Amino acid sequence: MTPRRATLEEIPGLIALNAEVQRWHAETDPKRFHAKVDPHHLRAFFADQIASDTASLWVTGTPDHLTGYLFASHVIRPGSPITLPQVRLHIEHIVVTQNARRRGIGRALLRAAEDEAKRIGASEITLETWAANTEAHKAFEASGFEIARFLYAKTLA
């Protein structure tokens, strides 16, 4: 179950996996997330990420039956009078299909992200997670992640 770089041929599997995570997000926060995503737009999105030099997309499973994916952006920020320059890898999406959880797939995807972060000279890996996603919090903490910042939101009428 070694993660590998996603290929264009695996986009249908990525779309299917994304539907699982999209459904959770739409149920958890329907004011922020679409209940369904246009597959043509998603196909173009994943194709762009696969081709990008500033993004990474790994998958697990077989090309016909993906069990997980992790999509990350390479974030390069120049220094300013206030902050030091920074290179980090930001995990945008991580999903493991429901019936493949607790088999080390998420941990393997996170290790692949760590290897990529080292390759690009990143000083850290970041991710955001929803407060309600307590199962994921445990997995991230078990992989060495710790809370570094809090994001507060206020819904405006």
C-alpha atoms as a PDB file:
ATOM      1  CA  MET A   1       0.000   0.000   0.000  1.00  0.00           C
ATOM      2  CA  THR A   2       2.732   2.417  -0.986  1.00  0.00           C
ATOM      3  CA  PRO A   3       1.314   5.744  -2.167  1.00  0.00           C
ATOM      4  CA  ARG A   4       2.192   6.762  -5.707  1.00  0.00           C
ATOM      5  CA  ARG A   5       1.770   9.895  -7.790  1.00  0.00           C
ATOM      6  CA  ALA A   6      -1.681  10.104  -9.337  1.00  0.00           C
ATOM      7  CA  THR A   7      -1.989   9.787 -13.105  1.00  0.00           C
ATOM      8  CA  LEU A   8      -4.561  11.163 -15.512  1.00  0.00           C
ATOM      9  CA  GLU A   9      -5.990   7.648 -15.876  1.00  0.00           C
ATOM     10  CA  GLU A  10      -6.861   7.667 -12.168  1.00  0.00           C
ATOM     11  CA  ILE A  11      -9.007  10.800 -12.299  1.00  0.00           C
ATOM     12  CA  PRO A  12     -12.295   8.827 -12.298  1.00  0.00           C
ATOM     13  CA  GLY A  13     -11.201   7.182  -9.029  1.00  0.00           C
ATOM     14  CA  LEU A  14     -10.191  10.564  -7.600  1.00  0.00           C
ATOM     15  CA  ILE A  15     -13.623  11.939  -8.469  1.00  0.00           C
ATOM     16  CA  ALA A  16     -15.290   8.981  -6.718  1.00  0.00           C
ATOM     17  CA  LEU A  17     -13.144   9.449  -3.588  1.00  0.00           C
ATOM     18  CA  ASN A  18     -13.753  13.175  -3.622  1.00  0.00           C
ATOM     19  CA  ALA A  19     -17.505  12.492  -3.585  1.00  0.00           C
ATOM     20  CA  GLU A  20     -17.083  10.805  -0.181  1.00  0.00           C
ATOM     21  CA  VAL A  21     -15.252  13.727   1.387  1.00  0.00           C
ATOM     22  CA  GLN A  22     -17.481  16.261  -0.378  1.00  0.00           C
ATOM     23  CA  ARG A  23     -20.586  14.577   1.035  1.00  0.00           C
ATOM     24  CA  TRP A  24     -19.167  14.797   4.568  1.00  0.00           C
ATOM     25  CA  HIS A  25     -18.287  18.462   4.117  1.00  0.00           C
ATOM     26  CA  ALA A  26     -21.676  19.349   2.621  1.00  0.00           C
ATOM     27  CA  GLU A  27     -23.507  17.585   5.466  1.00  0.00           C
ATOM     28  CA  THR A  28     -21.279  19.188   8.107  1.00  0.00           C
ATOM     29  CA  ASP A  29     -21.270  22.717   6.654  1.00  0.00           C
ATOM     30  CA  PRO A  30     -23.953  23.107   3.956  1.00  0.00           C
ATOM     31  CA  LYS A  31     -23.529  26.896   3.874  1.00  0.00           C
ATOM     32  CA  ARG A  32     -19.949  26.501   2.669  1.00  0.00           C
ATOM     33  CA  PHE A  33     -19.870  23.370   0.504  1.00  0.00           C
ATOM     34  CA  HIS A  34     -21.753  22.216  -2.590  1.00  0.00           C
ATOM     35  CA  ALA A  35     -23.719  19.007  -2.068  1.00  0.00           C
ATOM     36  CA  LYS A  36     -22.455  17.834  -5.479  1.00  0.00           C
ATOM     37  CA  VAL A  37     -19.546  18.967  -7.591  1.00  0.00           C
ATOM     38  CA  ASP A  38     -19.675  19.082 -11.388  1.00  0.00           C
ATOM     39  CA  PRO A  39     -17.523  16.108 -12.487  1.00  0.00           C
ATOM     40  CA  HIS A  40     -16.244  18.023 -15.539  1.00  0.00           C
ATOM     41  CA  HIS A  41     -14.898  20.800 -13.324  1.00  0.00           C
ATOM     42  CA  LEU A  42     -13.440  18.259 -10.911  1.00  0.00           C
ATOM     43  CA  ARG A  43     -11.801  16.362 -13.791  1.00  0.00           C
ATOM     44  CA  ALA A  44     -10.140  19.591 -14.967  1.00  0.00           C
ATOM     45  CA  PHE A  45      -9.122  20.462 -11.399  1.00  0.00           C
ATOM     46  CA  PHE A  46      -7.412  17.105 -10.808  1.00  0.00           C
ATOM     47  CA  ALA A  47      -5.732  17.196 -14.238  1.00  0.00           C
ATOM     48  CA  ASP A  48      -4.306  20.626 -13.407  1.00  0.00           C
ATOM     49  CA  GLN A  49      -3.001  19.386 -10.042  1.00  0.00           C
ATOM     50  CA  ILE A  50      -1.401  16.294 -11.576  1.00  0.00           C
ATOM     51  CA  ALA A  51       0.421  18.504 -14.110  1.00  0.00           C
ATOM     52  CA  SER A  52       1.422  21.195 -11.602  1.00  0.00           C
ATOM     53  CA  ASP A  53       4.965  21.786 -10.386  1.00  0.00           C
ATOM     54  CA  THR A  54       3.623  23.368  -7.192  1.00  0.00           C
ATOM     55  CA  ALA A  55       1.201  20.648  -6.112  1.00  0.00           C
ATOM     56  CA  SER A  56       1.429  16.968  -5.240  1.00  0.00           C
ATOM     57  CA  LEU A  57      -1.270  14.333  -5.540  1.00  0.00           C
ATOM     58  CA  TRP A  58      -0.765  10.793  -4.227  1.00  0.00           C
ATOM     59  CA  VAL A  59      -3.107   7.817  -4.381  1.00  0.00           C
ATOM     60  CA  THR A  60      -3.358   4.348  -2.870  1.00  0.00           C
ATOM     61  CA  GLY A  61      -5.148   1.269  -4.129  1.00  0.00           C
ATOM     62  CA  THR A  62      -5.349  -0.004  -7.676  1.00  0.00           C
ATOM     63  CA  PRO A  63      -6.022   2.273 -10.648  1.00  0.00           C
ATOM     64  CA  ASP A  64      -9.500   0.720 -10.893  1.00  0.00           C
ATOM     65  CA  HIS A  65     -10.203   0.955  -7.144  1.00  0.00           C
ATOM     66  CA  LEU A  66      -8.507   3.795  -5.290  1.00  0.00           C
ATOM     67  CA  THR A  67      -8.608   3.610  -1.506  1.00  0.00           C
ATOM     68  CA  GLY A  68      -7.220   7.044  -0.677  1.00  0.00           C
ATOM     69  CA  TYR A  69      -5.667  10.241  -1.921  1.00  0.00           C
ATOM     70  CA  LEU A  70      -3.756  13.200  -0.561  1.00  0.00           C
ATOM     71  CA  PHE A  71      -3.520  16.511  -2.407  1.00  0.00           C
ATOM     72  CA  ALA A  72      -1.006  19.106  -1.195  1.00  0.00           C
ATOM     73  CA  SER A  73       0.157  22.532  -2.325  1.00  0.00           C
ATOM     74  CA  HIS A  74       3.717  23.784  -2.173  1.00  0.00           C
ATOM     75  CA  VAL A  75       3.605  27.146  -0.371  1.00  0.00           C
ATOM     76  CA  ILE A  76       6.567  29.458  -0.858  1.00  0.00           C
ATOM     77  CA  ARG A  77       6.420  32.766   0.968  1.00  0.00           C
ATOM     78  CA  PRO A  78       9.173  35.341   0.716  1.00  0.00           C
ATOM     79  CA  GLY A  79      10.294  37.034   3.864  1.00  0.00           C
ATOM     80  CA  SER A  80       8.929  40.398   4.893  1.00  0.00           C
ATOM     81  CA  PRO A  81       9.896  42.965   7.508  1.00  0.00           C
ATOM     82  CA  ILE A  82       7.748  40.924   9.903  1.00  0.00           C
ATOM     83  CA  THR A  83       8.201  37.274   8.893  1.00  0.00           C
ATOM     84  CA  LEU A  84      11.003  35.002   7.813  1.00  0.00           C
ATOM     85  CA  PRO A  85      10.861  33.344   4.382  1.00  0.00           C
ATOM     86  CA  GLN A  86       8.968  30.086   4.508  1.00  0.00           C
ATOM     87  CA  VAL A  87       8.541  26.961   2.427  1.00  0.00           C
ATOM     88  CA  ARG A  88       5.859  24.549   3.569  1.00  0.00           C
ATOM     89  CA  LEU A  89       3.672  21.810   2.219  1.00  0.00           C
ATOM     90  CA  HIS A  90      -0.018  22.418   2.861  1.00  0.00           C
ATOM     91  CA  ILE A  91      -2.330  19.413   2.746  1.00  0.00           C
ATOM     92  CA  GLU A  92      -5.488  20.531   0.962  1.00  0.00           C
ATOM     93  CA  HIS A  93      -7.344  17.188   0.919  1.00  0.00           C
ATOM     94  CA  ILE A  94      -6.779  13.805   2.458  1.00  0.00           C
ATOM     95  CA  VAL A  95      -9.371  11.080   2.193  1.00  0.00           C
ATOM     96  CA  VAL A  96      -9.441   7.353   2.779  1.00  0.00           C
ATOM     97  CA  THR A  97     -12.545   5.531   1.649  1.00  0.00           C
ATOM     98  CA  GLN A  98     -14.740   4.446   4.550  1.00  0.00           C
ATOM     99  CA  ASN A  99     -14.261   0.698   4.013  1.00  0.00           C
ATOM    100  CA  ALA A 100     -10.442   0.997   3.887  1.00  0.00           C
ATOM    101  CA  ARG A 101      -9.894   2.964   7.086  1.00  0.00           C
ATOM    102  CA  ARG A 102      -7.756   1.758   9.994  1.00  0.00           C
ATOM    103  CA  ARG A 103      -5.379  -0.075   7.657  1.00  0.00           C
ATOM    104  CA  GLY A 104      -2.530   2.450   7.664  1.00  0.00           C
ATOM    105  CA  ILE A 105      -3.489   4.130   4.378  1.00  0.00           C
ATOM    106  CA  GLY A 106      -3.825   7.622   5.863  1.00  0.00           C
ATOM    107  CA  ARG A 107      -0.531   7.199   7.707  1.00  0.00           C
ATOM    108  CA  ALA A 108       1.172   6.093   4.462  1.00  0.00           C
ATOM    109  CA  LEU A 109      -0.238   9.103   2.599  1.00  0.00           C
ATOM    110  CA  LEU A 110       1.006  11.428   5.351  1.00  0.00           C
ATOM    111  CA  ARG A 111       4.473   9.827   5.152  1.00  0.00           C
ATOM    112  CA  ALA A 112       4.487  10.464   1.388  1.00  0.00           C
ATOM    113  CA  ALA A 113       3.630  14.104   2.101  1.00  0.00           C
ATOM    114  CA  GLU A 114       6.482  14.293   4.608  1.00  0.00           C
ATOM    115  CA  ASP A 115       8.915  12.885   2.050  1.00  0.00           C
ATOM    116  CA  GLU A 116       7.714  15.459  -0.482  1.00  0.00           C
ATOM    117  CA  ALA A 117       8.051  18.268   2.057  1.00  0.00           C
ATOM    118  CA  LYS A 118      11.671  17.284   2.654  1.00  0.00           C
ATOM    119  CA  ARG A 119      12.282  17.070  -1.109  1.00  0.00           C
ATOM    120  CA  ILE A 120      11.085  20.645  -1.687  1.00  0.00           C
ATOM    121  CA  GLY A 121      12.975  21.988   1.347  1.00  0.00           C
ATOM    122  CA  ALA A 122       9.869  22.714   3.425  1.00  0.00           C
ATOM    123  CA  SER A 123      10.252  23.516   7.092  1.00  0.00           C
ATOM    124  CA  GLU A 124       6.771  22.240   7.978  1.00  0.00           C
ATOM    125  CA  ILE A 125       3.619  20.516   6.793  1.00  0.00           C
ATOM    126  CA  THR A 126       0.307  22.175   7.571  1.00  0.00           C
ATOM    127  CA  LEU A 127      -3.327  21.224   7.208  1.00  0.00           C
ATOM    128  CA  GLU A 128      -6.685  22.513   8.318  1.00  0.00           C
ATOM    129  CA  THR A 129      -9.368  20.286   9.712  1.00  0.00           C
ATOM    130  CA  TRP A 130     -12.935  20.899  10.757  1.00  0.00           C
ATOM    131  CA  ALA A 131     -13.736  20.876  14.472  1.00  0.00           C
ATOM    132  CA  ALA A 132     -16.327  18.134  13.924  1.00  0.00           C
ATOM    133  CA  ASN A 133     -13.812  15.775  12.286  1.00  0.00           C
ATOM    134  CA  THR A 134     -12.579  14.246  15.531  1.00  0.00           C
ATOM    135  CA  GLU A 135     -11.653  10.896  13.948  1.00  0.00           C
ATOM    136  CA  ALA A 136      -9.213  12.679  11.638  1.00  0.00           C
ATOM    137  CA  HIS A 137      -7.776  14.725  14.524  1.00  0.00           C
ATOM    138  CA  LYS A 138      -6.710  11.519  16.261  1.00  0.00           C
ATOM    139  CA  ALA A 139      -5.058  10.238  13.082  1.00  0.00           C
ATOM    140  CA  PHE A 140      -3.173  13.503  12.528  1.00  0.00           C
ATOM    141  CA  GLU A 141      -1.964  13.618  16.125  1.00  0.00           C
ATOM    142  CA  ALA A 142      -0.841   9.978  15.912  1.00  0.00           C
ATOM    143  CA  SER A 143       1.241  10.984  12.866  1.00  0.00           C
ATOM    144  CA  GLY A 144       3.008  13.756  14.782  1.00  0.00           C
ATOM    145  CA  PHE A 145       0.838  16.759  13.917  1.00  0.00           C
ATOM    146  CA  GLU A 146      -0.005  19.203  16.680  1.00  0.00           C
ATOM    147  CA  ILE A 147      -2.261  22.212  16.906  1.00  0.00           C
ATOM    148  CA  ALA A 148      -0.263  25.246  15.812  1.00  0.00           C
ATOM    149  CA  ARG A 149      -2.957  27.883  15.221  1.00  0.00           C
ATOM    150  CA  PHE A 150      -6.672  28.376  15.627  1.00  0.00           C
ATOM    151  CA  LEU A 151      -8.925  29.665  12.856  1.00  0.00           C
ATOM    152  CA  TYR A 152     -11.995  31.475  14.124  1.00  0.00           C
ATOM    153  CA  ALA A 153     -14.929  32.208  11.832  1.00  0.00           C
ATOM    154  CA  LYS A 154     -17.953  34.423  12.239  1.00  0.00           C
ATOM    155  CA  THR A 155     -20.903  33.963   9.920  1.00  0.00           C
ATOM    156  CA  LEU A 156     -22.297  37.270   8.730  1.00  0.00           C
ATOM    157  CA  ALA A 157     -25.950  37.747   7.894  1.00  0.00           C
END
